[in-house]
Amino acid sequence: MAASDQSVEETLAVASVLSSAIGARIGSYICDVFGRTQTLSTRNGLSVIGPLLMAVSPTLSISIIGQVMIGMSKGVATLSICTGLSVIDPLLMVVSPTLSISIIGQVMIGMSIGVAALTVPIYVSEVSPSEIKGRMIVLTEFSVMLTRGK
């Protein structure tokens, strides 16, 4: 991405945050229809496809789609994926040939964050033993804070 204008940075930041809210809203519906496991699997796929779209897209619109996919998938389902993507996302934005590619990538990131923020704590509470359920949920939310910082 050649432009380093402040408005470009603001646009990318807003794309991720707004798509996180959208991901959280549609995440509950997706969980009800497809279940927690399928939703988390889809989230992981979005977190991989989003940065790839940002890196290879020649247009702004494809970049925005990539960011939306990443946004929908970010979260704590797998700490290593989230940590890796937190490092890869800025790098992909730097090498992105156009602003549109970067915006699509940010929107995908935001959507994945929203879906994971809703789905992962519920899934952890369902699979955790009752004696450590509270600690597991707290650690899950803490890992979100560490991996994404939002």
N, C-alpha and C. Protein backbone atom coordinates (compact mmCIF):
# COMPACT_ATOMS: atom_id res chain seq x y z
N MET A 1 0.85 -1.17 0.00
CA MET A 1 0.00 0.00 0.00
C MET A 1 0.89 1.23 0.00
N ALA A 2 0.85 1.99 -1.04
CA ALA A 2 1.75 3.11 -1.21
C ALA A 2 1.33 4.31 -0.37
N ALA A 3 0.06 4.55 -0.22
CA ALA A 3 -0.41 5.73 0.51
C ALA A 3 -0.22 5.55 2.01
N SER A 4 0.31 6.59 2.66
CA SER A 4 0.49 6.54 4.10
C SER A 4 -0.30 7.66 4.76
N ASP A 5 -1.33 8.09 4.12
CA ASP A 5 -2.18 9.17 4.59
C ASP A 5 -2.91 8.77 5.86
N GLN A 6 -3.13 9.73 6.75
CA GLN A 6 -3.82 9.44 8.00
C GLN A 6 -5.25 8.98 7.75
N SER A 7 -5.89 9.49 6.73
CA SER A 7 -7.26 9.06 6.44
C SER A 7 -7.32 7.59 6.02
N VAL A 8 -6.27 7.10 5.37
CA VAL A 8 -6.21 5.69 5.01
C VAL A 8 -6.13 4.84 6.27
N GLU A 9 -5.29 5.24 7.21
CA GLU A 9 -5.16 4.50 8.47
C GLU A 9 -6.48 4.51 9.23
N GLU A 10 -7.14 5.65 9.26
CA GLU A 10 -8.42 5.74 9.95
C GLU A 10 -9.47 4.86 9.29
N THR A 11 -9.49 4.83 7.97
CA THR A 11 -10.44 3.99 7.24
C THR A 11 -10.22 2.52 7.56
N LEU A 12 -8.96 2.10 7.59
CA LEU A 12 -8.65 0.71 7.89
C LEU A 12 -9.04 0.34 9.32
N ALA A 13 -8.79 1.25 10.26
CA ALA A 13 -9.15 0.97 11.65
C ALA A 13 -10.66 0.88 11.82
N VAL A 14 -11.38 1.78 11.20
CA VAL A 14 -12.84 1.77 11.30
C VAL A 14 -13.42 0.52 10.65
N ALA A 15 -12.84 0.09 9.54
CA ALA A 15 -13.34 -1.11 8.85
C ALA A 15 -13.28 -2.32 9.76
N SER A 16 -12.19 -2.47 10.50
CA SER A 16 -12.04 -3.62 11.39
C SER A 16 -13.01 -3.55 12.57
N VAL A 17 -13.13 -2.39 13.17
CA VAL A 17 -13.99 -2.25 14.35
C VAL A 17 -15.46 -2.43 13.98
N LEU A 18 -15.91 -1.81 12.92
CA LEU A 18 -17.31 -1.95 12.52
C LEU A 18 -17.64 -3.38 12.10
N SER A 19 -16.72 -4.01 11.41
CA SER A 19 -17.00 -5.39 11.01
C SER A 19 -16.97 -6.34 12.20
N SER A 20 -16.25 -5.98 13.27
CA SER A 20 -16.30 -6.78 14.50
C SER A 20 -17.70 -6.77 15.09
N ALA A 21 -18.31 -5.59 15.10
CA ALA A 21 -19.68 -5.48 15.62
C ALA A 21 -20.64 -6.29 14.76
N ILE A 22 -20.46 -6.24 13.46
CA ILE A 22 -21.32 -7.01 12.56
C ILE A 22 -21.11 -8.50 12.78
N GLY A 23 -19.85 -8.91 12.93
CA GLY A 23 -19.55 -10.31 13.17
C GLY A 23 -20.17 -10.83 14.46
N ALA A 24 -20.17 -10.00 15.50
CA ALA A 24 -20.78 -10.41 16.76
C ALA A 24 -22.29 -10.56 16.61
N ARG A 25 -22.91 -9.67 15.85
CA ARG A 25 -24.36 -9.74 15.65
C ARG A 25 -24.77 -10.98 14.86
N ILE A 26 -24.06 -11.27 13.79
CA ILE A 26 -24.43 -12.42 12.98
C ILE A 26 -23.88 -13.72 13.55
N GLY A 27 -22.90 -13.61 14.44
CA GLY A 27 -22.31 -14.80 15.03
C GLY A 27 -23.29 -15.62 15.84
N SER A 28 -24.19 -14.96 16.56
CA SER A 28 -25.16 -15.70 17.36
C SER A 28 -26.11 -16.49 16.46
N TYR A 29 -26.51 -15.90 15.37
CA TYR A 29 -27.38 -16.60 14.42
C TYR A 29 -26.65 -17.79 13.80
N ILE A 30 -25.41 -17.57 13.40
CA ILE A 30 -24.62 -18.65 12.80
C ILE A 30 -24.44 -19.79 13.79
N CYS A 31 -24.18 -19.47 15.06
CA CYS A 31 -24.02 -20.51 16.09
C CYS A 31 -25.30 -21.31 16.27
N ASP A 32 -26.43 -20.63 16.28
CA ASP A 32 -27.70 -21.33 16.45
C ASP A 32 -28.00 -22.26 15.28
N VAL A 33 -27.68 -21.83 14.08
CA VAL A 33 -27.98 -22.63 12.89
C VAL A 33 -26.98 -23.76 12.69
N PHE A 34 -25.69 -23.45 12.80
CA PHE A 34 -24.66 -24.43 12.44
C PHE A 34 -23.92 -25.04 13.63
N GLY A 35 -24.06 -24.47 14.82
CA GLY A 35 -23.36 -24.98 15.99
C GLY A 35 -22.04 -24.26 16.22
N ARG A 36 -21.52 -24.40 17.44
CA ARG A 36 -20.30 -23.69 17.83
C ARG A 36 -19.07 -24.18 17.06
N THR A 37 -18.96 -25.48 16.89
CA THR A 37 -17.76 -26.03 16.25
C THR A 37 -17.67 -25.59 14.80
N GLN A 38 -18.76 -25.67 14.06
CA GLN A 38 -18.75 -25.24 12.66
C GLN A 38 -18.47 -23.75 12.55
N THR A 39 -19.02 -22.97 13.48
CA THR A 39 -18.80 -21.53 13.46
C THR A 39 -17.33 -21.22 13.68
N LEU A 40 -16.70 -21.90 14.64
CA LEU A 40 -15.28 -21.67 14.90
C LEU A 40 -14.42 -22.13 13.73
N SER A 41 -14.79 -23.20 13.09
CA SER A 41 -14.04 -23.66 11.91
C SER A 41 -14.13 -22.64 10.78
N THR A 42 -15.30 -22.09 10.59
CA THR A 42 -15.49 -21.06 9.57
C THR A 42 -14.66 -19.82 9.91
N ARG A 43 -14.65 -19.46 11.18
CA ARG A 43 -13.86 -18.32 11.63
C ARG A 43 -12.39 -18.51 11.32
N ASN A 44 -11.88 -19.70 11.56
CA ASN A 44 -10.47 -19.97 11.27
C ASN A 44 -10.18 -19.85 9.78
N GLY A 45 -11.11 -20.30 8.97
CA GLY A 45 -10.93 -20.16 7.53
C GLY A 45 -10.90 -18.70 7.09
N LEU A 46 -11.79 -17.90 7.67
CA LEU A 46 -11.80 -16.48 7.34
C LEU A 46 -10.51 -15.80 7.74
N SER A 47 -9.94 -16.22 8.87
CA SER A 47 -8.71 -15.59 9.34
C SER A 47 -7.52 -15.93 8.47
N VAL A 48 -7.62 -16.96 7.66
CA VAL A 48 -6.56 -17.30 6.72
C VAL A 48 -6.80 -16.63 5.37
N ILE A 49 -8.05 -16.65 4.91
CA ILE A 49 -8.38 -16.10 3.59
C ILE A 49 -8.25 -14.58 3.55
N GLY A 50 -8.63 -13.92 4.63
CA GLY A 50 -8.59 -12.45 4.66
C GLY A 50 -7.22 -11.87 4.36
N PRO A 51 -6.18 -12.28 5.08
CA PRO A 51 -4.85 -11.73 4.78
C PRO A 51 -4.37 -12.07 3.37
N LEU A 52 -4.73 -13.26 2.91
CA LEU A 52 -4.32 -13.64 1.55
C LEU A 52 -4.95 -12.72 0.51
N LEU A 53 -6.23 -12.40 0.70
CA LEU A 53 -6.89 -11.47 -0.21
C LEU A 53 -6.23 -10.10 -0.18
N MET A 54 -5.87 -9.66 1.03
CA MET A 54 -5.22 -8.37 1.15
C MET A 54 -3.89 -8.36 0.42
N ALA A 55 -3.17 -9.45 0.47
CA ALA A 55 -1.84 -9.49 -0.11
C ALA A 55 -1.86 -9.54 -1.64
N VAL A 56 -2.83 -10.21 -2.21
CA VAL A 56 -2.80 -10.45 -3.66
C VAL A 56 -3.79 -9.61 -4.45
N SER A 57 -4.67 -8.89 -3.78
CA SER A 57 -5.72 -8.18 -4.49
C SER A 57 -5.19 -6.95 -5.21
N PRO A 58 -5.57 -6.78 -6.47
CA PRO A 58 -5.17 -5.58 -7.21
C PRO A 58 -6.12 -4.41 -7.01
N THR A 59 -7.25 -4.62 -6.34
CA THR A 59 -8.24 -3.55 -6.19
C THR A 59 -8.60 -3.33 -4.73
N LEU A 60 -9.13 -2.17 -4.44
CA LEU A 60 -9.54 -1.82 -3.08
C LEU A 60 -10.69 -2.69 -2.59
N SER A 61 -11.65 -2.98 -3.45
CA SER A 61 -12.82 -3.74 -3.02
C SER A 61 -12.44 -5.14 -2.57
N ILE A 62 -11.51 -5.80 -3.24
CA ILE A 62 -11.10 -7.14 -2.83
C ILE A 62 -10.35 -7.07 -1.50
N SER A 63 -9.56 -6.02 -1.30
CA SER A 63 -8.85 -5.85 -0.04
C SER A 63 -9.82 -5.67 1.11
N ILE A 64 -10.89 -4.94 0.90
CA ILE A 64 -11.90 -4.75 1.94
C ILE A 64 -12.56 -6.08 2.27
N ILE A 65 -12.85 -6.87 1.27
CA ILE A 65 -13.44 -8.19 1.51
C ILE A 65 -12.51 -9.04 2.37
N GLY A 66 -11.21 -8.98 2.10
CA GLY A 66 -10.23 -9.72 2.90
C GLY A 66 -10.25 -9.30 4.35
N GLN A 67 -10.31 -7.99 4.61
CA GLN A 67 -10.34 -7.51 5.97
C GLN A 67 -11.63 -7.90 6.67
N VAL A 68 -12.74 -7.92 5.96
CA VAL A 68 -14.00 -8.35 6.56
C VAL A 68 -13.90 -9.80 6.98
N MET A 69 -13.32 -10.63 6.14
CA MET A 69 -13.20 -12.05 6.47
C MET A 69 -12.30 -12.26 7.68
N ILE A 70 -11.21 -11.52 7.76
CA ILE A 70 -10.33 -11.64 8.91
C ILE A 70 -11.04 -11.14 10.15
N GLY A 71 -11.74 -10.02 10.03
CA GLY A 71 -12.47 -9.47 11.15
C GLY A 71 -13.50 -10.41 11.72
N MET A 72 -14.16 -11.16 10.84
CA MET A 72 -15.16 -12.12 11.31
C MET A 72 -14.50 -13.29 12.02
N SER A 73 -13.26 -13.55 11.72
CA SER A 73 -12.65 -14.77 12.24
C SER A 73 -11.70 -14.56 13.40
N LYS A 74 -11.28 -13.35 13.70
CA LYS A 74 -10.31 -13.14 14.76
C LYS A 74 -10.88 -13.53 16.11
N GLY A 75 -10.06 -13.96 17.00
CA GLY A 75 -10.51 -14.27 18.33
C GLY A 75 -9.58 -15.22 19.04
N VAL A 76 -10.16 -16.05 19.86
CA VAL A 76 -9.35 -16.88 20.73
C VAL A 76 -9.54 -18.37 20.46
N ALA A 77 -10.14 -18.73 19.36
CA ALA A 77 -10.36 -20.15 19.10
C ALA A 77 -9.04 -20.90 19.13
N THR A 78 -8.04 -20.34 18.50
CA THR A 78 -6.70 -20.89 18.62
C THR A 78 -5.75 -19.73 18.84
N LEU A 79 -5.08 -19.75 19.96
CA LEU A 79 -4.21 -18.64 20.34
C LEU A 79 -3.08 -18.45 19.35
N SER A 80 -2.52 -19.54 18.84
CA SER A 80 -1.39 -19.41 17.93
C SER A 80 -1.81 -18.77 16.61
N ILE A 81 -2.97 -19.12 16.09
CA ILE A 81 -3.44 -18.51 14.84
C ILE A 81 -3.65 -17.02 15.04
N CYS A 82 -4.28 -16.66 16.15
CA CYS A 82 -4.56 -15.25 16.39
C CYS A 82 -3.28 -14.45 16.56
N THR A 83 -2.34 -15.01 17.30
CA THR A 83 -1.08 -14.30 17.50
C THR A 83 -0.34 -14.15 16.19
N GLY A 84 -0.31 -15.21 15.40
CA GLY A 84 0.35 -15.14 14.10
C GLY A 84 -0.30 -14.14 13.18
N LEU A 85 -1.62 -14.11 13.16
CA LEU A 85 -2.32 -13.16 12.29
C LEU A 85 -2.16 -11.73 12.77
N SER A 86 -2.03 -11.54 14.08
CA SER A 86 -1.80 -10.19 14.59
C SER A 86 -0.47 -9.64 14.09
N VAL A 87 0.48 -10.52 13.84
CA VAL A 87 1.77 -10.11 13.28
C VAL A 87 1.68 -9.98 11.77
N ILE A 88 0.98 -10.90 11.13
CA ILE A 88 0.91 -10.94 9.66
C ILE A 88 0.04 -9.82 9.10
N ASP A 89 -1.05 -9.47 9.79
CA ASP A 89 -1.98 -8.47 9.26
C ASP A 89 -1.29 -7.15 8.89
N PRO A 90 -0.50 -6.55 9.79
CA PRO A 90 0.16 -5.30 9.40
C PRO A 90 1.12 -5.47 8.23
N LEU A 91 1.80 -6.61 8.18
CA LEU A 91 2.73 -6.85 7.07
C LEU A 91 1.98 -6.93 5.75
N LEU A 92 0.84 -7.62 5.75
CA LEU A 92 0.05 -7.71 4.53
C LEU A 92 -0.48 -6.36 4.10
N MET A 93 -0.82 -5.53 5.07
CA MET A 93 -1.32 -4.20 4.73
C MET A 93 -0.22 -3.36 4.09
N VAL A 94 1.02 -3.58 4.52
CA VAL A 94 2.13 -2.83 3.94
C VAL A 94 2.39 -3.25 2.50
N VAL A 95 2.32 -4.55 2.22
CA VAL A 95 2.62 -5.02 0.87
C VAL A 95 1.40 -5.00 -0.04
N SER A 96 0.26 -4.67 0.49
CA SER A 96 -0.96 -4.62 -0.33
C SER A 96 -0.80 -3.57 -1.42
N PRO A 97 -1.10 -3.95 -2.67
CA PRO A 97 -0.90 -3.01 -3.77
C PRO A 97 -1.88 -1.84 -3.80
N THR A 98 -3.03 -1.99 -3.18
CA THR A 98 -4.02 -0.91 -3.21
C THR A 98 -4.69 -0.74 -1.86
N LEU A 99 -5.28 0.42 -1.68
CA LEU A 99 -6.02 0.71 -0.45
C LEU A 99 -7.22 -0.21 -0.31
N SER A 100 -7.88 -0.52 -1.40
CA SER A 100 -9.07 -1.36 -1.33
C SER A 100 -8.74 -2.74 -0.79
N ILE A 101 -7.61 -3.28 -1.15
CA ILE A 101 -7.21 -4.59 -0.65
C ILE A 101 -7.04 -4.52 0.86
N SER A 102 -6.42 -3.47 1.31
CA SER A 102 -6.20 -3.32 2.75
C SER A 102 -7.51 -3.17 3.51
N ILE A 103 -8.44 -2.42 2.97
CA ILE A 103 -9.72 -2.23 3.65
C ILE A 103 -10.50 -3.54 3.72
N ILE A 104 -10.51 -4.31 2.64
CA ILE A 104 -11.20 -5.60 2.65
C ILE A 104 -10.59 -6.50 3.71
N GLY A 105 -9.27 -6.51 3.79
CA GLY A 105 -8.60 -7.31 4.81
C GLY A 105 -8.99 -6.89 6.22
N GLN A 106 -9.06 -5.59 6.47
CA GLN A 106 -9.44 -5.10 7.79
C GLN A 106 -10.87 -5.48 8.14
N VAL A 107 -11.77 -5.42 7.19
CA VAL A 107 -13.16 -5.78 7.45
C VAL A 107 -13.26 -7.27 7.80
N MET A 108 -12.50 -8.09 7.09
CA MET A 108 -12.50 -9.53 7.41
C MET A 108 -11.96 -9.78 8.81
N ILE A 109 -10.92 -9.06 9.16
CA ILE A 109 -10.36 -9.20 10.50
C ILE A 109 -11.43 -8.83 11.53
N GLY A 110 -12.10 -7.72 11.31
CA GLY A 110 -13.12 -7.28 12.25
C GLY A 110 -14.26 -8.26 12.40
N MET A 111 -14.73 -8.82 11.30
CA MET A 111 -15.83 -9.78 11.36
C MET A 111 -15.42 -11.03 12.14
N SER A 112 -14.21 -11.49 11.93
CA SER A 112 -13.76 -12.68 12.65
C SER A 112 -13.61 -12.40 14.14
N ILE A 113 -13.21 -11.19 14.48
CA ILE A 113 -13.11 -10.81 15.89
C ILE A 113 -14.49 -10.88 16.53
N GLY A 114 -15.47 -10.33 15.85
CA GLY A 114 -16.83 -10.33 16.39
C GLY A 114 -17.39 -11.73 16.58
N VAL A 115 -17.22 -12.58 15.60
CA VAL A 115 -17.73 -13.95 15.70
C VAL A 115 -17.03 -14.69 16.83
N ALA A 116 -15.72 -14.56 16.92
CA ALA A 116 -14.97 -15.27 17.96
C ALA A 116 -15.30 -14.73 19.35
N ALA A 117 -15.48 -13.42 19.47
CA ALA A 117 -15.79 -12.84 20.77
C ALA A 117 -17.09 -13.38 21.32
N LEU A 118 -18.01 -13.72 20.44
CA LEU A 118 -19.29 -14.29 20.86
C LEU A 118 -19.20 -15.79 21.06
N THR A 119 -18.59 -16.48 20.13
CA THR A 119 -18.64 -17.94 20.08
C THR A 119 -17.70 -18.63 21.06
N VAL A 120 -16.49 -18.16 21.15
CA VAL A 120 -15.47 -18.88 21.92
C VAL A 120 -15.81 -18.98 23.41
N PRO A 121 -16.21 -17.90 24.09
CA PRO A 121 -16.55 -18.06 25.51
C PRO A 121 -17.70 -19.05 25.75
N ILE A 122 -18.67 -19.06 24.85
CA ILE A 122 -19.78 -20.01 24.98
C ILE A 122 -19.27 -21.44 24.82
N TYR A 123 -18.45 -21.64 23.81
CA TYR A 123 -17.90 -22.97 23.56
C TYR A 123 -17.04 -23.44 24.73
N VAL A 124 -16.21 -22.55 25.26
CA VAL A 124 -15.36 -22.91 26.40
C VAL A 124 -16.21 -23.27 27.61
N SER A 125 -17.29 -22.52 27.85
CA SER A 125 -18.14 -22.83 29.00
C SER A 125 -18.86 -24.17 28.82
N GLU A 126 -19.14 -24.55 27.58
CA GLU A 126 -19.81 -25.83 27.34
C GLU A 126 -18.90 -27.02 27.53
N VAL A 127 -17.63 -26.89 27.20
CA VAL A 127 -16.72 -28.04 27.25
C VAL A 127 -15.86 -28.10 28.51
N SER A 128 -15.88 -27.05 29.33
CA SER A 128 -15.05 -27.03 30.54
C SER A 128 -15.72 -27.76 31.68
N PRO A 129 -14.94 -28.45 32.52
CA PRO A 129 -15.49 -29.05 33.73
C PRO A 129 -16.04 -27.97 34.66
N SER A 130 -17.09 -28.27 35.38
CA SER A 130 -17.76 -27.25 36.18
C SER A 130 -16.86 -26.64 37.25
N GLU A 131 -15.91 -27.40 37.78
CA GLU A 131 -15.06 -26.85 38.85
C GLU A 131 -14.05 -25.82 38.35
N ILE A 132 -13.74 -25.79 37.07
CA ILE A 132 -12.79 -24.80 36.55
C ILE A 132 -13.39 -23.94 35.43
N LYS A 133 -14.68 -23.99 35.27
CA LYS A 133 -15.33 -23.28 34.17
C LYS A 133 -15.07 -21.77 34.21
N GLY A 134 -15.19 -21.17 35.36
CA GLY A 134 -14.97 -19.73 35.49
C GLY A 134 -13.56 -19.32 35.12
N ARG A 135 -12.58 -20.08 35.60
CA ARG A 135 -11.19 -19.78 35.27
C ARG A 135 -10.92 -19.92 33.78
N MET A 136 -11.52 -20.92 33.16
CA MET A 136 -11.31 -21.13 31.73
C MET A 136 -11.87 -19.96 30.91
N ILE A 137 -13.03 -19.47 31.30
CA ILE A 137 -13.62 -18.35 30.57
C ILE A 137 -12.79 -17.09 30.75
N VAL A 138 -12.31 -16.85 31.98
CA VAL A 138 -11.46 -15.68 32.23
C VAL A 138 -10.18 -15.77 31.41
N LEU A 139 -9.55 -16.94 31.37
CA LEU A 139 -8.34 -17.11 30.57
C LEU A 139 -8.61 -16.92 29.08
N THR A 140 -9.77 -17.35 28.64
CA THR A 140 -10.14 -17.17 27.24
C THR A 140 -10.23 -15.68 26.90
N GLU A 141 -10.93 -14.93 27.72
CA GLU A 141 -11.07 -13.49 27.48
C GLU A 141 -9.73 -12.78 27.61
N PHE A 142 -8.91 -13.22 28.55
CA PHE A 142 -7.58 -12.63 28.72
C PHE A 142 -6.72 -12.87 27.48
N SER A 143 -6.85 -14.05 26.89
CA SER A 143 -6.06 -14.34 25.68
C SER A 143 -6.52 -13.48 24.51
N VAL A 144 -7.80 -13.12 24.47
CA VAL A 144 -8.27 -12.20 23.43
C VAL A 144 -7.58 -10.86 23.61
N MET A 145 -7.52 -10.39 24.84
CA MET A 145 -6.88 -9.11 25.10
C MET A 145 -5.40 -9.14 24.72
N LEU A 146 -4.73 -10.25 25.01
CA LEU A 146 -3.31 -10.35 24.68
C LEU A 146 -3.05 -10.45 23.19
N THR A 147 -3.87 -11.21 22.48
CA THR A 147 -3.60 -11.45 21.07
C THR A 147 -4.03 -10.31 20.17
N ARG A 148 -5.06 -9.62 20.54
CA ARG A 148 -5.56 -8.57 19.64
C ARG A 148 -5.48 -7.18 20.24
N GLY A 149 -5.63 -7.07 21.55
CA GLY A 149 -5.50 -5.77 22.19
C GLY A 149 -6.66 -4.83 21.94
N LYS A 150 -7.81 -5.38 21.55
CA LYS A 150 -8.97 -4.52 21.31
C LYS A 150 -10.07 -4.87 22.27
